[in-house]
Amino acid sequence: MGKLIKLLQEAHENKPKFGEPCNHCGYCCITEVCPIGQDLTGATIGPCRLLIQKDNGRFCKLAEDGTMDELLGIGTGCCAETQSEAIERLTK
């Protein structure tokens, strides 16, 4: 469990703000499993089993060849909203 907490803390510290360009911190796939990941792995709780470490970032294994980018939302910006970001958005 300690390894997962350390991984989550590191990703959270490096996570861009919601909507900003992705920096491959992995926060989104550590905290939840997307519908495609759920269908393929049967997992509903993160970290997603399809998350891989590659070079200096974390990536979805399904995105390696680029054919799944649109379905996975790759290139659309950070899709993971933290609780503090949601509170900030709702209180503006």
N, C-alpha and C. Protein backbone atom coordinates (compact mmCIF):
# COMPACT_ATOMS: atom_id res chain seq x y z
N MET A 1 0.83 -1.20 0.00
CA MET A 1 0.00 0.00 0.00
C MET A 1 0.86 1.25 0.00
N GLY A 2 2.01 1.21 0.68
CA GLY A 2 2.88 2.37 0.73
C GLY A 2 3.38 2.80 -0.64
N LYS A 3 3.63 1.82 -1.51
CA LYS A 3 4.09 2.12 -2.87
C LYS A 3 3.02 2.87 -3.65
N LEU A 4 1.77 2.46 -3.49
CA LEU A 4 0.66 3.13 -4.17
C LEU A 4 0.50 4.57 -3.67
N ILE A 5 0.61 4.78 -2.38
CA ILE A 5 0.48 6.12 -1.82
C ILE A 5 1.60 7.02 -2.34
N LYS A 6 2.80 6.50 -2.38
CA LYS A 6 3.94 7.27 -2.90
C LYS A 6 3.71 7.62 -4.38
N LEU A 7 3.24 6.66 -5.16
CA LEU A 7 2.95 6.87 -6.58
C LEU A 7 1.89 7.95 -6.75
N LEU A 8 0.84 7.87 -5.96
CA LEU A 8 -0.25 8.85 -6.03
C LEU A 8 0.22 10.25 -5.62
N GLN A 9 1.01 10.33 -4.56
CA GLN A 9 1.52 11.62 -4.12
C GLN A 9 2.40 12.27 -5.19
N GLU A 10 3.27 11.47 -5.80
CA GLU A 10 4.15 11.98 -6.85
C GLU A 10 3.34 12.49 -8.04
N ALA A 11 2.35 11.71 -8.45
CA ALA A 11 1.51 12.10 -9.58
C ALA A 11 0.73 13.37 -9.26
N HIS A 12 0.18 13.45 -8.04
CA HIS A 12 -0.59 14.62 -7.63
C HIS A 12 0.27 15.88 -7.63
N GLU A 13 1.50 15.76 -7.18
CA GLU A 13 2.41 16.91 -7.14
C GLU A 13 2.75 17.41 -8.54
N ASN A 14 2.79 16.51 -9.52
CA ASN A 14 3.17 16.86 -10.88
C ASN A 14 1.98 17.10 -11.81
N LYS A 15 0.78 16.84 -11.33
CA LYS A 15 -0.42 16.95 -12.16
C LYS A 15 -0.65 18.39 -12.63
N PRO A 16 -0.88 18.57 -13.93
CA PRO A 16 -1.26 19.90 -14.41
C PRO A 16 -2.69 20.22 -13.97
N LYS A 17 -3.07 21.46 -14.04
CA LYS A 17 -4.44 21.82 -13.72
C LYS A 17 -5.38 21.19 -14.75
N PHE A 18 -6.60 20.91 -14.31
CA PHE A 18 -7.63 20.35 -15.18
C PHE A 18 -7.72 21.16 -16.47
N GLY A 19 -7.65 20.49 -17.62
CA GLY A 19 -7.76 21.14 -18.92
C GLY A 19 -6.44 21.58 -19.53
N GLU A 20 -5.39 21.70 -18.71
CA GLU A 20 -4.08 22.08 -19.24
C GLU A 20 -3.46 20.88 -19.97
N PRO A 21 -2.45 21.12 -20.81
CA PRO A 21 -1.84 20.01 -21.55
C PRO A 21 -1.32 18.89 -20.63
N CYS A 22 -1.49 17.68 -21.08
CA CYS A 22 -1.04 16.50 -20.34
C CYS A 22 0.48 16.49 -20.23
N ASN A 23 0.97 16.14 -19.05
CA ASN A 23 2.43 16.00 -18.88
C ASN A 23 2.80 14.56 -18.53
N HIS A 24 1.86 13.66 -18.68
CA HIS A 24 2.07 12.22 -18.46
C HIS A 24 2.44 11.89 -17.02
N CYS A 25 1.80 12.58 -16.08
CA CYS A 25 2.03 12.30 -14.66
C CYS A 25 1.36 10.99 -14.24
N GLY A 26 0.29 10.59 -14.94
CA GLY A 26 -0.40 9.35 -14.64
C GLY A 26 -1.50 9.47 -13.61
N TYR A 27 -1.73 10.68 -13.09
CA TYR A 27 -2.73 10.86 -12.04
C TYR A 27 -4.09 10.29 -12.44
N CYS A 28 -4.51 10.55 -13.66
CA CYS A 28 -5.84 10.11 -14.10
C CYS A 28 -5.99 8.60 -14.02
N CYS A 29 -5.00 7.87 -14.49
CA CYS A 29 -5.08 6.40 -14.52
C CYS A 29 -4.72 5.75 -13.19
N ILE A 30 -4.08 6.50 -12.32
CA ILE A 30 -3.80 5.98 -10.98
C ILE A 30 -5.06 6.06 -10.13
N THR A 31 -5.84 7.11 -10.31
CA THR A 31 -7.01 7.33 -9.45
C THR A 31 -8.28 6.67 -9.96
N GLU A 32 -8.35 6.33 -11.24
CA GLU A 32 -9.55 5.67 -11.75
C GLU A 32 -9.23 4.87 -13.01
N VAL A 33 -10.18 4.04 -13.39
CA VAL A 33 -10.05 3.22 -14.60
C VAL A 33 -11.13 3.69 -15.57
N CYS A 34 -10.71 4.07 -16.77
CA CYS A 34 -11.68 4.55 -17.77
C CYS A 34 -12.57 3.40 -18.23
N PRO A 35 -13.68 3.71 -18.89
CA PRO A 35 -14.58 2.64 -19.36
C PRO A 35 -13.90 1.61 -20.26
N ILE A 36 -12.97 2.05 -21.09
CA ILE A 36 -12.26 1.10 -21.97
C ILE A 36 -11.40 0.18 -21.12
N GLY A 37 -10.69 0.75 -20.16
CA GLY A 37 -9.87 -0.05 -19.26
C GLY A 37 -10.71 -1.03 -18.45
N GLN A 38 -11.88 -0.58 -18.03
CA GLN A 38 -12.77 -1.47 -17.28
C GLN A 38 -13.20 -2.65 -18.13
N ASP A 39 -13.57 -2.37 -19.38
CA ASP A 39 -14.00 -3.44 -20.28
C ASP A 39 -12.88 -4.45 -20.53
N LEU A 40 -11.67 -3.96 -20.70
CA LEU A 40 -10.55 -4.84 -21.05
C LEU A 40 -9.94 -5.58 -19.86
N THR A 41 -9.95 -4.95 -18.70
CA THR A 41 -9.28 -5.57 -17.55
C THR A 41 -10.24 -6.10 -16.50
N GLY A 42 -11.47 -5.61 -16.50
CA GLY A 42 -12.44 -6.00 -15.49
C GLY A 42 -12.28 -5.22 -14.19
N ALA A 43 -11.26 -4.37 -14.12
CA ALA A 43 -11.00 -3.58 -12.91
C ALA A 43 -11.86 -2.31 -12.92
N THR A 44 -12.32 -1.92 -11.75
CA THR A 44 -13.10 -0.69 -11.63
C THR A 44 -12.44 0.32 -10.69
N ILE A 45 -11.37 -0.11 -10.03
CA ILE A 45 -10.67 0.75 -9.09
C ILE A 45 -9.22 0.89 -9.55
N GLY A 46 -8.71 2.13 -9.54
CA GLY A 46 -7.34 2.38 -9.95
C GLY A 46 -6.33 1.90 -8.94
N PRO A 47 -5.10 1.84 -9.34
CA PRO A 47 -4.58 2.26 -10.63
C PRO A 47 -4.94 1.27 -11.75
N CYS A 48 -5.09 1.82 -12.93
CA CYS A 48 -5.43 1.00 -14.09
C CYS A 48 -4.26 0.08 -14.42
N ARG A 49 -4.57 -1.14 -14.73
CA ARG A 49 -3.56 -2.14 -15.08
C ARG A 49 -2.91 -1.86 -16.43
N LEU A 50 -3.51 -0.98 -17.22
CA LEU A 50 -2.96 -0.64 -18.53
C LEU A 50 -1.97 0.52 -18.47
N LEU A 51 -1.79 1.10 -17.31
CA LEU A 51 -0.86 2.22 -17.13
C LEU A 51 0.56 1.67 -17.12
N ILE A 52 1.41 2.25 -17.97
CA ILE A 52 2.81 1.81 -18.03
C ILE A 52 3.74 3.01 -17.85
N GLN A 53 4.91 2.72 -17.31
CA GLN A 53 5.97 3.72 -17.18
C GLN A 53 6.82 3.62 -18.44
N LYS A 54 7.04 4.76 -19.09
CA LYS A 54 7.82 4.76 -20.33
C LYS A 54 8.62 6.05 -20.37
N ASP A 55 9.92 5.93 -20.52
CA ASP A 55 10.81 7.08 -20.50
C ASP A 55 10.57 7.86 -19.21
N ASN A 56 10.18 9.13 -19.31
CA ASN A 56 9.98 9.96 -18.12
C ASN A 56 8.51 10.23 -17.83
N GLY A 57 7.63 9.34 -18.27
CA GLY A 57 6.22 9.57 -18.04
C GLY A 57 5.43 8.27 -17.94
N ARG A 58 4.15 8.44 -17.70
CA ARG A 58 3.23 7.30 -17.62
C ARG A 58 2.24 7.40 -18.77
N PHE A 59 1.95 6.26 -19.36
CA PHE A 59 1.12 6.23 -20.55
C PHE A 59 0.18 5.04 -20.49
N CYS A 60 -0.91 5.12 -21.25
CA CYS A 60 -1.81 4.00 -21.40
C CYS A 60 -1.19 3.03 -22.41
N LYS A 61 -1.15 1.78 -22.05
CA LYS A 61 -0.60 0.75 -22.95
C LYS A 61 -1.34 0.74 -24.28
N LEU A 62 -2.62 1.08 -24.27
CA LEU A 62 -3.41 1.09 -25.49
C LEU A 62 -3.04 2.21 -26.44
N ALA A 63 -2.31 3.20 -25.94
CA ALA A 63 -1.95 4.37 -26.76
C ALA A 63 -0.60 4.21 -27.44
N GLU A 64 0.03 3.09 -27.29
CA GLU A 64 1.37 2.91 -27.84
C GLU A 64 1.43 3.07 -29.35
N ASP A 65 0.41 2.64 -30.07
CA ASP A 65 0.46 2.75 -31.53
C ASP A 65 -0.34 3.92 -32.08
N GLY A 66 -1.03 4.67 -31.22
CA GLY A 66 -1.75 5.87 -31.65
C GLY A 66 -3.15 5.63 -32.18
N THR A 67 -3.57 4.38 -32.31
CA THR A 67 -4.89 4.12 -32.89
C THR A 67 -6.04 4.38 -31.92
N MET A 68 -5.75 4.40 -30.63
CA MET A 68 -6.80 4.59 -29.62
C MET A 68 -6.83 6.00 -29.04
N ASP A 69 -5.98 6.89 -29.55
CA ASP A 69 -5.85 8.23 -28.97
C ASP A 69 -7.18 8.96 -28.84
N GLU A 70 -7.97 8.97 -29.88
CA GLU A 70 -9.24 9.70 -29.84
C GLU A 70 -10.20 9.10 -28.82
N LEU A 71 -10.32 7.79 -28.79
CA LEU A 71 -11.21 7.13 -27.84
C LEU A 71 -10.78 7.37 -26.40
N LEU A 72 -9.47 7.46 -26.17
CA LEU A 72 -8.94 7.65 -24.83
C LEU A 72 -8.85 9.13 -24.44
N GLY A 73 -9.10 10.03 -25.38
CA GLY A 73 -9.04 11.46 -25.09
C GLY A 73 -7.62 11.99 -25.04
N ILE A 74 -6.69 11.27 -25.63
CA ILE A 74 -5.29 11.69 -25.60
C ILE A 74 -5.12 12.92 -26.47
N GLY A 75 -4.44 13.91 -25.92
CA GLY A 75 -4.21 15.16 -26.62
C GLY A 75 -5.25 16.23 -26.34
N THR A 76 -6.22 15.93 -25.47
CA THR A 76 -7.27 16.89 -25.18
C THR A 76 -7.03 17.66 -23.89
N GLY A 77 -5.95 17.36 -23.21
CA GLY A 77 -5.64 18.05 -21.95
C GLY A 77 -5.98 17.20 -20.75
N CYS A 78 -5.58 17.68 -19.59
CA CYS A 78 -5.79 16.93 -18.35
C CYS A 78 -7.28 16.74 -18.09
N CYS A 79 -7.67 15.48 -17.91
CA CYS A 79 -9.08 15.16 -17.70
C CYS A 79 -9.39 14.80 -16.25
N ALA A 80 -8.37 14.82 -15.40
CA ALA A 80 -8.55 14.42 -14.00
C ALA A 80 -8.72 15.67 -13.14
N GLU A 81 -9.90 15.80 -12.57
CA GLU A 81 -10.18 16.95 -11.72
C GLU A 81 -10.08 16.52 -10.26
N THR A 82 -9.19 17.17 -9.52
CA THR A 82 -9.06 16.87 -8.10
C THR A 82 -10.23 17.49 -7.34
N GLN A 83 -10.41 17.08 -6.10
CA GLN A 83 -11.48 17.65 -5.29
C GLN A 83 -11.28 19.15 -5.11
N SER A 84 -10.04 19.58 -4.89
CA SER A 84 -9.80 21.02 -4.70
C SER A 84 -10.08 21.79 -5.98
N GLU A 85 -9.78 21.22 -7.14
CA GLU A 85 -10.10 21.89 -8.41
C GLU A 85 -11.62 21.98 -8.60
N ALA A 86 -12.35 20.93 -8.22
CA ALA A 86 -13.80 20.94 -8.35
C ALA A 86 -14.41 21.99 -7.42
N ILE A 87 -13.92 22.07 -6.20
CA ILE A 87 -14.42 23.07 -5.25
C ILE A 87 -14.14 24.48 -5.77
N GLU A 88 -12.94 24.69 -6.28
CA GLU A 88 -12.58 25.99 -6.84
C GLU A 88 -13.49 26.36 -8.01
N ARG A 89 -13.76 25.40 -8.89
CA ARG A 89 -14.62 25.63 -10.05
C ARG A 89 -16.06 25.95 -9.60
N LEU A 90 -16.54 25.25 -8.60
CA LEU A 90 -17.92 25.42 -8.14
C LEU A 90 -18.14 26.68 -7.31
N THR A 91 -17.09 27.22 -6.74
CA THR A 91 -17.23 28.39 -5.89
C THR A 91 -16.88 29.69 -6.59
N LYS A 92 -16.59 29.62 -7.87
CA LYS A 92 -16.27 30.83 -8.62
C LYS A 92 -17.53 31.60 -8.98
